[in-house]
Amino acid sequence: MISHLGPREAAPRTVQLRVDGLACGYGNGLVLRGVSFTLERGSFTGVLGPNGSGKTTLLRVLCRVLVPRRGYVLLDGHDLSRFPRRELARRVAMVGPDWRPQFEFTVAEVVALGRIPHLGPWSGESPADRRAVERALELTGTGALAGRLLGSLSEGERQRVMIARALAQEPSLLLLDEPTSHLDISHQVQVLSLLHGLTRGGVGGGGLTVLAVMHDLNLAAAWCDRLLLLHEGRVFAAGSPEEVLTPEVIRRVYGGEVLVLRNPVCGSPYVVPALAARSREITAASGARSSRVG
């Protein structure tokens, strides 16, 4: 059930992440070409774009797997490249599309891995660590799965466990790469409802900032505060779903003609391929004629 009906929050927020002129790539080629944007604290931002537009590369830069060739990233006003690894892992958590350990772990053990940045070199698990793991299990509704092996879970359950592991790090910024991929619609709504609640504190998250790569335009429009649309390594459009998801923008980026309607439940933009809409009109008109003839 969609839990954020009504106007989107308009309360002012502070900038948590600032990206300016970012250029990055692999080998001699560039994937990102001068990307600039900001993330406000406690916001839920969706990153959209065709395949190869640089979405996953952007996440890899933000969690410092890749080093930018030009530009800079500021986290809480500080240069991202200057954070010690352990300190960065306490502030930023990443959920990838498909993490599968080489050995079988229980759900509780997987979630406890999120506490590694908080452990000293010779220290064991503290009461604070156990509380963080219990809280992450509670927030994601995975407490009942704690004793199960990760490999025995459904895809939706696994995704919630991966988010729980990230939350156990107690980050202020959560990055996700396609968090709803391979999930049915029920599990998609569960995951997005959880993420939305974490940004609001409504699920106990206390204003977590979320940046998620997504492919489904309509899910992104329904759940995200802001959208960042990448095209050929650059920011083509950024803003509210209403500002980004227009027929002209979608045609220029994705190369297709669409109708942008209004979601009847939450009021967000709802994108329909124009050809599909036209086919429905033709089928309905044909059916009406047939009934009159009969």
Protein backbone atom coordinates (compact mmCIF):
# COMPACT_ATOMS: atom_id res chain seq x y z
CA MET A 1 0.00 0.00 0.00
CA ILE A 2 1.37 3.41 -0.93
CA SER A 3 1.88 5.29 2.31
CA HIS A 4 2.76 8.80 1.21
CA LEU A 5 -0.47 10.15 -0.20
CA GLY A 6 -0.86 13.89 -0.27
CA PRO A 7 1.54 16.73 -1.11
CA ARG A 8 5.25 16.04 -0.92
CA GLU A 9 7.03 17.60 2.02
CA ALA A 10 8.27 21.11 1.28
CA ALA A 11 10.26 21.69 4.47
CA PRO A 12 13.72 23.12 3.78
CA ARG A 13 16.61 20.67 4.02
CA THR A 14 20.36 21.09 4.20
CA VAL A 15 22.66 19.86 1.43
CA GLN A 16 24.38 16.63 2.45
CA LEU A 17 26.11 15.68 -0.81
CA ARG A 18 27.45 18.01 -3.49
CA VAL A 19 28.81 16.70 -6.80
CA ASP A 20 30.48 19.20 -9.14
CA GLY A 21 31.91 18.62 -12.63
CA LEU A 22 32.40 14.89 -12.08
CA ALA A 23 34.19 13.01 -14.87
CA CYS A 24 35.05 9.33 -14.59
CA GLY A 25 35.42 6.21 -16.70
CA TYR A 26 37.23 2.98 -17.38
CA GLY A 27 40.49 2.63 -19.25
CA ASN A 28 40.86 5.53 -21.66
CA GLY A 29 37.13 6.17 -22.02
CA LEU A 30 34.85 8.49 -20.07
CA VAL A 31 31.44 7.38 -18.82
CA LEU A 32 30.55 10.41 -16.70
CA ARG A 33 31.17 13.76 -18.39
CA GLY A 34 30.79 16.72 -16.07
CA VAL A 35 28.02 15.53 -13.73
CA SER A 36 26.85 18.06 -11.12
CA PHE A 37 24.01 17.84 -8.58
CA THR A 38 23.21 18.07 -4.87
CA LEU A 39 21.40 15.78 -2.45
CA GLU A 40 19.43 17.24 0.41
CA ARG A 41 19.53 15.53 3.78
CA GLY A 42 16.55 13.24 4.33
CA SER A 43 15.59 13.11 0.63
CA PHE A 44 14.82 10.12 -1.60
CA THR A 45 16.36 10.64 -5.04
CA GLY A 46 16.02 8.26 -7.97
CA VAL A 47 18.72 8.03 -10.66
CA LEU A 48 17.25 7.23 -14.08
CA GLY A 49 18.63 6.84 -17.58
CA PRO A 50 19.08 4.38 -20.43
CA ASN A 51 21.57 1.53 -20.18
CA GLY A 52 25.13 2.86 -20.41
CA SER A 53 24.24 6.36 -19.26
CA GLY A 54 26.50 6.15 -16.19
CA LYS A 55 24.12 5.34 -13.34
CA THR A 56 26.12 2.52 -11.73
CA THR A 57 29.40 4.32 -12.42
CA LEU A 58 28.08 7.27 -10.45
CA LEU A 59 27.37 5.06 -7.43
CA ARG A 60 30.85 3.57 -7.65
CA VAL A 61 32.35 7.03 -7.46
CA LEU A 62 30.18 7.99 -4.50
CA CYS A 63 31.26 4.95 -2.49
CA ARG A 64 34.85 5.51 -3.67
CA VAL A 65 35.29 2.31 -5.66
CA LEU A 66 36.23 4.54 -8.61
CA VAL A 67 38.37 7.68 -8.47
CA PRO A 68 37.11 10.62 -10.56
CA ARG A 69 39.41 12.10 -13.16
CA ARG A 70 37.93 15.57 -12.77
CA GLY A 71 35.53 17.31 -10.45
CA TYR A 72 34.87 16.71 -6.78
CA VAL A 73 32.39 15.26 -4.31
CA LEU A 74 31.65 16.87 -0.94
CA LEU A 75 29.98 14.85 1.81
CA ASP A 76 28.76 16.97 4.71
CA GLY A 77 31.00 19.75 3.38
CA HIS A 78 34.16 17.62 3.31
CA ASP A 79 36.08 16.22 0.34
CA LEU A 80 34.98 12.60 -0.13
CA SER A 81 38.50 11.53 -1.11
CA ARG A 82 39.91 12.63 2.25
CA PHE A 83 37.73 10.43 4.46
CA PRO A 84 39.51 7.45 6.03
CA ARG A 85 37.94 4.22 4.74
CA ARG A 86 36.49 3.26 8.10
CA GLU A 87 34.95 6.69 8.65
CA LEU A 88 33.46 6.71 5.15
CA ALA A 89 31.89 3.29 5.76
CA ARG A 90 30.23 4.69 8.87
CA ARG A 91 28.63 7.47 6.82
CA VAL A 92 27.86 5.81 3.46
CA ALA A 93 26.38 2.36 2.83
CA MET A 94 25.90 0.66 -0.52
CA VAL A 95 23.42 -2.04 -1.56
CA GLY A 96 24.38 -3.65 -4.85
CA PRO A 97 22.10 -5.56 -7.20
CA ASP A 98 23.28 -9.09 -6.39
CA TRP A 99 25.64 -9.83 -3.47
CA ARG A 100 26.12 -13.55 -2.87
CA PRO A 101 28.70 -14.68 -0.28
CA GLN A 102 30.96 -17.65 -0.98
CA PHE A 103 29.89 -19.33 2.26
CA GLU A 104 26.49 -19.86 3.81
CA PHE A 105 25.61 -17.26 6.43
CA THR A 106 22.50 -16.86 8.48
CA VAL A 107 20.53 -13.66 8.07
CA ALA A 108 21.69 -12.43 11.49
CA GLU A 109 25.33 -13.03 10.51
CA VAL A 110 24.90 -11.18 7.22
CA VAL A 111 23.33 -8.17 8.94
CA ALA A 112 26.09 -8.19 11.60
CA LEU A 113 28.65 -7.70 8.81
CA GLY A 114 27.38 -4.13 8.66
CA ARG A 115 28.99 -3.46 12.03
CA ILE A 116 32.55 -4.09 10.76
CA PRO A 117 33.32 -0.35 10.28
CA HIS A 118 32.50 0.21 13.96
CA LEU A 119 34.70 -2.58 15.37
CA GLY A 120 38.24 -2.05 16.61
CA PRO A 121 41.08 -4.28 15.38
CA TRP A 122 40.90 -6.58 18.41
CA SER A 123 37.45 -5.82 19.80
CA GLY A 124 34.47 -8.13 19.71
CA GLU A 125 30.81 -7.34 19.31
CA SER A 126 29.56 -4.82 21.87
CA PRO A 127 26.04 -4.30 23.25
CA ALA A 128 25.76 -1.26 20.93
CA ASP A 129 26.60 -3.48 17.95
CA ARG A 130 23.95 -6.02 18.94
CA ARG A 131 21.37 -3.26 19.35
CA ALA A 132 22.22 -1.87 15.89
CA VAL A 133 21.76 -5.32 14.32
CA GLU A 134 18.46 -5.88 16.15
CA ARG A 135 17.21 -2.46 15.08
CA ALA A 136 18.14 -3.08 11.43
CA LEU A 137 16.31 -6.42 11.51
CA GLU A 138 13.27 -4.74 13.05
CA LEU A 139 13.22 -1.84 10.59
CA THR A 140 13.32 -4.16 7.59
CA GLY A 141 10.90 -6.73 9.00
CA THR A 142 13.53 -9.48 8.79
CA GLY A 143 13.74 -10.40 12.48
CA ALA A 144 11.77 -13.60 11.90
CA LEU A 145 14.37 -14.61 9.29
CA ALA A 146 17.39 -14.13 11.57
CA GLY A 147 18.15 -17.85 11.91
CA ARG A 148 17.54 -18.72 8.25
CA LEU A 149 20.36 -19.25 5.76
CA LEU A 150 20.65 -16.46 3.19
CA GLY A 151 20.47 -18.94 0.32
CA SER A 152 17.06 -20.18 1.45
CA LEU A 153 15.35 -16.81 1.08
CA SER A 154 13.21 -15.43 -1.72
CA GLU A 155 14.53 -12.53 -3.80
CA GLY A 156 12.35 -10.05 -1.93
CA GLU A 157 13.53 -11.35 1.45
CA ARG A 158 17.16 -11.23 0.32
CA GLN A 159 16.82 -7.62 -0.77
CA ARG A 160 15.40 -6.61 2.60
CA VAL A 161 18.28 -8.43 4.32
CA MET A 162 20.81 -6.53 2.19
CA ILE A 163 19.16 -3.27 3.20
CA ALA A 164 19.26 -4.41 6.84
CA ARG A 165 22.99 -5.05 6.56
CA ALA A 166 23.47 -1.52 5.20
CA LEU A 167 21.32 -0.03 7.96
CA ALA A 168 23.41 -1.84 10.57
CA GLN A 169 26.28 0.41 9.47
CA GLU A 170 24.17 3.33 10.75
CA PRO A 171 24.97 5.48 7.70
CA SER A 172 23.57 8.89 6.93
CA LEU A 173 23.62 8.21 3.15
CA LEU A 174 22.32 4.99 1.58
CA LEU A 175 23.16 4.15 -2.05
CA LEU A 176 21.25 1.43 -3.88
CA ASP A 177 21.76 -0.06 -7.35
CA GLU A 178 18.44 -1.27 -8.75
CA PRO A 179 16.84 -2.19 -5.40
CA THR A 180 13.66 -3.48 -7.07
CA SER A 181 15.21 -5.56 -9.86
CA HIS A 182 13.93 -9.16 -10.08
CA LEU A 183 11.17 -8.42 -7.56
CA ASP A 184 7.44 -8.87 -8.11
CA ILE A 185 5.19 -5.86 -7.62
CA SER A 186 4.37 -6.73 -4.00
CA HIS A 187 8.04 -6.90 -3.00
CA GLN A 188 8.81 -3.76 -5.02
CA VAL A 189 6.26 -1.83 -2.99
CA GLN A 190 7.59 -3.29 0.28
CA VAL A 191 11.16 -2.22 -0.51
CA LEU A 192 10.25 1.26 -1.75
CA SER A 193 7.87 1.84 1.13
CA LEU A 194 10.69 0.92 3.52
CA LEU A 195 13.16 3.28 1.83
CA HIS A 196 10.63 6.12 1.74
CA GLY A 197 9.86 5.63 5.41
CA LEU A 198 13.54 5.67 6.33
CA THR A 199 13.99 9.10 4.75
CA ARG A 200 11.05 10.45 6.74
CA GLY A 201 11.84 8.72 10.01
CA GLY A 202 8.38 7.18 9.76
CA VAL A 203 9.87 3.69 9.88
CA GLY A 204 12.34 4.74 12.55
CA GLY A 205 15.06 5.84 10.17
CA GLY A 206 15.45 9.38 11.45
CA GLY A 207 15.91 11.11 8.11
CA LEU A 208 18.25 8.86 6.15
CA THR A 209 19.28 10.20 2.72
CA VAL A 210 18.65 7.69 -0.10
CA LEU A 211 20.01 7.68 -3.66
CA ALA A 212 18.75 4.76 -5.74
CA VAL A 213 19.38 3.74 -9.34
CA MET A 214 16.05 2.70 -10.86
CA HIS A 215 14.76 1.64 -14.26
CA ASP A 216 11.01 1.80 -13.71
CA LEU A 217 9.97 5.40 -14.37
CA ASN A 218 6.58 5.02 -12.74
CA LEU A 219 7.88 3.50 -9.51
CA ALA A 220 10.50 6.23 -9.31
CA ALA A 221 7.88 8.91 -9.87
CA ALA A 222 5.58 7.49 -7.18
CA TRP A 223 8.20 7.13 -4.44
CA CYS A 224 11.04 9.59 -5.02
CA ASP A 225 11.14 13.26 -4.00
CA ARG A 226 13.52 14.12 -6.82
CA LEU A 227 14.82 12.48 -9.98
CA LEU A 228 18.21 12.70 -11.63
CA LEU A 229 18.07 11.71 -15.31
CA LEU A 230 21.39 10.78 -16.91
CA HIS A 231 21.97 10.62 -20.66
CA GLU A 232 25.31 9.89 -22.33
CA GLY A 233 27.19 10.55 -19.10
CA ARG A 234 25.61 13.91 -18.35
CA VAL A 235 22.71 15.18 -16.27
CA PHE A 236 19.96 15.73 -18.81
CA ALA A 237 17.28 16.73 -16.29
CA ALA A 238 16.98 17.04 -12.51
CA GLY A 239 14.09 18.04 -10.30
CA SER A 240 10.73 16.79 -9.10
CA PRO A 241 9.09 13.89 -10.98
CA GLU A 242 6.73 16.41 -12.59
CA GLU A 243 9.66 18.45 -13.86
CA VAL A 244 11.71 15.51 -15.17
CA LEU A 245 9.13 13.10 -16.59
CA THR A 246 7.70 15.09 -19.48
CA PRO A 247 6.93 13.65 -22.94
CA GLU A 248 9.64 15.82 -24.55
CA VAL A 249 12.35 14.82 -22.07
CA ILE A 250 11.50 11.12 -22.33
CA ARG A 251 11.44 11.25 -26.12
CA ARG A 252 14.87 12.89 -26.29
CA VAL A 253 16.48 10.54 -23.78
CA TYR A 254 14.76 7.21 -24.45
CA GLY A 255 13.75 7.76 -28.06
CA GLY A 256 10.09 6.85 -27.61
CA GLU A 257 6.78 8.69 -27.75
CA VAL A 258 4.84 8.57 -24.49
CA LEU A 259 1.81 9.99 -22.77
CA VAL A 260 2.33 11.31 -19.25
CA LEU A 261 -0.83 10.79 -17.23
CA ARG A 262 -1.55 11.23 -13.52
CA ASN A 263 -1.31 8.35 -11.05
CA PRO A 264 -4.85 8.17 -9.60
CA VAL A 265 -3.59 7.01 -6.18
CA CYS A 266 -0.71 9.35 -5.30
CA GLY A 267 -0.92 12.00 -8.04
CA SER A 268 2.56 11.41 -9.45
CA PRO A 269 3.29 11.35 -13.21
CA TYR A 270 2.47 8.03 -14.87
CA VAL A 271 4.22 7.24 -18.15
CA VAL A 272 2.45 5.20 -20.83
CA PRO A 273 3.94 4.38 -24.25
CA ALA A 274 1.91 6.29 -26.82
CA LEU A 275 1.70 3.27 -29.12
CA ALA A 276 0.20 1.13 -26.33
CA ALA A 277 -2.33 3.82 -25.50
CA ARG A 278 -3.27 4.18 -29.17
CA SER A 279 -3.63 0.40 -29.56
CA ARG A 280 -6.03 0.32 -26.62
CA GLU A 281 -8.11 3.08 -28.21
CA ILE A 282 -8.27 1.19 -31.51
CA THR A 283 -9.21 -2.08 -29.77
CA ALA A 284 -11.92 -0.37 -27.72
CA ALA A 285 -13.34 1.37 -30.81
CA SER A 286 -13.31 -1.90 -32.75
CA GLY A 287 -15.10 -3.68 -29.91
CA ALA A 288 -17.75 -0.97 -29.78
CA ARG A 289 -18.39 -1.26 -33.52
CA SER A 290 -18.65 -5.05 -33.30
CA SER A 291 -21.19 -4.85 -30.49
CA ARG A 292 -23.33 -2.43 -32.50
CA VAL A 293 -23.20 -4.71 -35.53
CA GLY A 294 -24.13 -7.72 -33.42
